[in-house]
Every structure is written in structure tokens, then in C-alpha cells.
Amino acid sequence: MRLIIAILLPFLAFFTIGRPVAGIICLILQVTLIGWLPAAIWAVYALGQYNTDRKISEALGNRR
């Protein structure tokens, strides 16, 4: 679901992962038609990093 949001409304994806400042910057970038594609790519990349960080913290949390 977050992936669809990251593609269609990139700025909203940042708010769902707890990065509101990046969401505002992404919204400014998304306002232009040319900037929408880089904003979508950035949101998908950030979402992937968020998922990876969450999995790493879960794995380390279970070890301790």
C-alpha cells in the first residue's frame, strides 16, 4: 500500500514513515510536472530504506 502511495503521491509516503520535513521538500518538488518523477523515485527509495532499517532493528532487537 505504501508503495502505491509513494508512486502516486510521493510526498504523502514520507509522512507515513515519519519524515515530515522530507515530505514538505518532496511536495515542493512534486508541484512541478518535471519534478514529479524524481519525487516518486525518491519516495520509493526512502520507503525501501525505511523497510530495511525496520527489519535490521527487529533482528537486532530479538538478539538482545
N, C-alpha and C. Protein backbone atom coordinates (compact mmCIF):
# COMPACT_ATOMS: atom_id res chain seq x y z
N MET A 1 0.82 -1.19 0.00
CA MET A 1 0.00 0.00 0.00
C MET A 1 0.87 1.26 0.00
N ARG A 2 1.91 1.26 0.83
CA ARG A 2 2.80 2.42 0.86
C ARG A 2 3.53 2.61 -0.47
N LEU A 3 3.78 1.54 -1.18
CA LEU A 3 4.45 1.66 -2.47
C LEU A 3 3.55 2.38 -3.48
N ILE A 4 2.29 2.08 -3.47
CA ILE A 4 1.35 2.77 -4.37
C ILE A 4 1.27 4.25 -4.02
N ILE A 5 1.23 4.54 -2.73
CA ILE A 5 1.22 5.93 -2.28
C ILE A 5 2.50 6.63 -2.71
N ALA A 6 3.64 5.94 -2.61
CA ALA A 6 4.93 6.53 -2.98
C ALA A 6 4.98 6.86 -4.46
N ILE A 7 4.30 6.10 -5.28
CA ILE A 7 4.31 6.36 -6.72
C ILE A 7 3.30 7.44 -7.09
N LEU A 8 2.11 7.38 -6.53
CA LEU A 8 1.06 8.33 -6.91
C LEU A 8 1.16 9.66 -6.18
N LEU A 9 1.41 9.62 -4.88
CA LEU A 9 1.53 10.83 -4.05
C LEU A 9 2.82 10.75 -3.24
N PRO A 10 3.95 11.02 -3.88
CA PRO A 10 5.24 10.81 -3.21
C PRO A 10 5.40 11.52 -1.87
N PHE A 11 4.91 12.75 -1.76
CA PHE A 11 5.09 13.48 -0.51
C PHE A 11 4.38 12.80 0.65
N LEU A 12 3.25 12.15 0.39
CA LEU A 12 2.48 11.50 1.44
C LEU A 12 3.21 10.29 2.01
N ALA A 13 4.02 9.65 1.20
CA ALA A 13 4.78 8.48 1.66
C ALA A 13 5.75 8.87 2.77
N PHE A 14 6.33 10.05 2.67
CA PHE A 14 7.27 10.50 3.70
C PHE A 14 6.56 10.74 5.03
N PHE A 15 5.33 11.22 4.97
CA PHE A 15 4.59 11.43 6.21
C PHE A 15 4.22 10.11 6.86
N THR A 16 3.97 9.06 6.06
CA THR A 16 3.61 7.77 6.64
C THR A 16 4.80 7.07 7.29
N ILE A 17 6.03 7.42 6.90
CA ILE A 17 7.20 6.79 7.51
C ILE A 17 7.85 7.69 8.56
N GLY A 18 7.20 8.81 8.88
CA GLY A 18 7.68 9.67 9.96
C GLY A 18 8.78 10.63 9.57
N ARG A 19 8.77 11.10 8.33
CA ARG A 19 9.76 12.09 7.88
C ARG A 19 9.04 13.30 7.29
N PRO A 20 8.44 14.14 8.15
CA PRO A 20 7.62 15.25 7.63
C PRO A 20 8.41 16.34 6.90
N VAL A 21 9.64 16.61 7.31
CA VAL A 21 10.43 17.63 6.62
C VAL A 21 10.74 17.19 5.19
N ALA A 22 11.11 15.94 5.03
CA ALA A 22 11.34 15.41 3.69
C ALA A 22 10.05 15.41 2.88
N GLY A 23 8.92 15.20 3.55
CA GLY A 23 7.63 15.23 2.87
C GLY A 23 7.32 16.61 2.31
N ILE A 24 7.63 17.64 3.07
CA ILE A 24 7.40 19.01 2.60
C ILE A 24 8.32 19.34 1.43
N ILE A 25 9.59 18.94 1.52
CA ILE A 25 10.52 19.16 0.42
C ILE A 25 10.07 18.40 -0.82
N CYS A 26 9.60 17.19 -0.63
CA CYS A 26 9.12 16.39 -1.74
C CYS A 26 7.87 17.01 -2.36
N LEU A 27 7.00 17.59 -1.55
CA LEU A 27 5.81 18.26 -2.07
C LEU A 27 6.19 19.44 -2.94
N ILE A 28 7.18 20.20 -2.51
CA ILE A 28 7.65 21.33 -3.31
C ILE A 28 8.21 20.83 -4.64
N LEU A 29 8.95 19.73 -4.60
CA LEU A 29 9.49 19.15 -5.83
C LEU A 29 8.38 18.60 -6.71
N GLN A 30 7.37 18.02 -6.10
CA GLN A 30 6.29 17.39 -6.85
C GLN A 30 5.37 18.40 -7.53
N VAL A 31 5.36 19.63 -7.07
CA VAL A 31 4.48 20.65 -7.64
C VAL A 31 4.74 20.83 -9.14
N THR A 32 5.97 20.72 -9.54
CA THR A 32 6.26 20.83 -10.96
C THR A 32 6.07 19.47 -11.62
N LEU A 33 5.65 19.48 -12.85
CA LEU A 33 5.40 18.23 -13.57
C LEU A 33 6.70 17.47 -13.78
N ILE A 34 7.77 18.18 -14.07
CA ILE A 34 9.07 17.53 -14.28
C ILE A 34 9.59 16.97 -12.95
N GLY A 35 9.29 17.63 -11.84
CA GLY A 35 9.77 17.20 -10.55
C GLY A 35 9.03 16.02 -9.97
N TRP A 36 7.88 15.67 -10.55
CA TRP A 36 7.09 14.56 -10.01
C TRP A 36 7.84 13.23 -10.12
N LEU A 37 8.48 12.98 -11.24
CA LEU A 37 9.21 11.71 -11.43
C LEU A 37 10.36 11.56 -10.44
N PRO A 38 11.24 12.56 -10.28
CA PRO A 38 12.27 12.42 -9.26
C PRO A 38 11.70 12.30 -7.84
N ALA A 39 10.58 12.96 -7.57
CA ALA A 39 9.96 12.86 -6.25
C ALA A 39 9.46 11.44 -6.01
N ALA A 40 8.87 10.83 -7.03
CA ALA A 40 8.38 9.46 -6.90
C ALA A 40 9.53 8.48 -6.70
N ILE A 41 10.61 8.67 -7.44
CA ILE A 41 11.78 7.80 -7.29
C ILE A 41 12.37 7.95 -5.89
N TRP A 42 12.47 9.18 -5.41
CA TRP A 42 13.00 9.45 -4.08
C TRP A 42 12.12 8.81 -3.01
N ALA A 43 10.80 8.89 -3.17
CA ALA A 43 9.88 8.31 -2.19
C ALA A 43 9.98 6.79 -2.16
N VAL A 44 10.10 6.16 -3.32
CA VAL A 44 10.24 4.70 -3.37
C VAL A 44 11.56 4.28 -2.73
N TYR A 45 12.62 5.01 -3.00
CA TYR A 45 13.92 4.73 -2.39
C TYR A 45 13.87 4.88 -0.87
N ALA A 46 13.27 5.96 -0.39
CA ALA A 46 13.15 6.19 1.05
C ALA A 46 12.30 5.11 1.71
N LEU A 47 11.28 4.67 1.03
CA LEU A 47 10.44 3.60 1.56
C LEU A 47 11.22 2.29 1.67
N GLY A 48 12.05 2.01 0.69
CA GLY A 48 12.90 0.82 0.75
C GLY A 48 13.89 0.90 1.90
N GLN A 49 14.48 2.06 2.12
CA GLN A 49 15.40 2.25 3.24
C GLN A 49 14.68 2.11 4.57
N TYR A 50 13.47 2.62 4.65
CA TYR A 50 12.68 2.51 5.88
C TYR A 50 12.40 1.04 6.21
N ASN A 51 12.01 0.28 5.20
CA ASN A 51 11.74 -1.14 5.42
C ASN A 51 12.99 -1.89 5.84
N THR A 52 14.12 -1.57 5.23
CA THR A 52 15.38 -2.22 5.58
C THR A 52 15.79 -1.88 7.01
N ASP A 53 15.70 -0.61 7.37
CA ASP A 53 16.05 -0.20 8.73
C ASP A 53 15.15 -0.86 9.77
N ARG A 54 13.87 -1.00 9.45
CA ARG A 54 12.94 -1.64 10.37
C ARG A 54 13.28 -3.12 10.56
N LYS A 55 13.63 -3.80 9.48
CA LYS A 55 13.99 -5.22 9.57
C LYS A 55 15.28 -5.41 10.36
N ILE A 56 16.25 -4.52 10.17
CA ILE A 56 17.51 -4.62 10.91
C ILE A 56 17.27 -4.40 12.39
N SER A 57 16.47 -3.39 12.73
CA SER A 57 16.22 -3.14 14.15
C SER A 57 15.42 -4.28 14.79
N GLU A 58 14.52 -4.90 14.05
CA GLU A 58 13.80 -6.06 14.58
C GLU A 58 14.75 -7.23 14.81
N ALA A 59 15.68 -7.45 13.87
CA ALA A 59 16.62 -8.57 14.01
C ALA A 59 17.56 -8.34 15.19
N LEU A 60 18.04 -7.12 15.36
CA LEU A 60 18.92 -6.83 16.48
C LEU A 60 18.16 -6.80 17.79
N GLY A 61 16.92 -6.41 17.75
CA GLY A 61 16.11 -6.41 18.97
C GLY A 61 15.82 -7.80 19.49
N ASN A 62 15.71 -8.76 18.60
CA ASN A 62 15.46 -10.14 19.01
C ASN A 62 16.70 -10.81 19.55
N ARG A 63 17.87 -10.31 19.18
CA ARG A 63 19.14 -10.92 19.66
C ARG A 63 19.40 -10.58 21.11
N ARG A 64 18.98 -9.42 21.54
CA ARG A 64 19.32 -8.95 22.88
C ARG A 64 18.38 -9.46 23.91
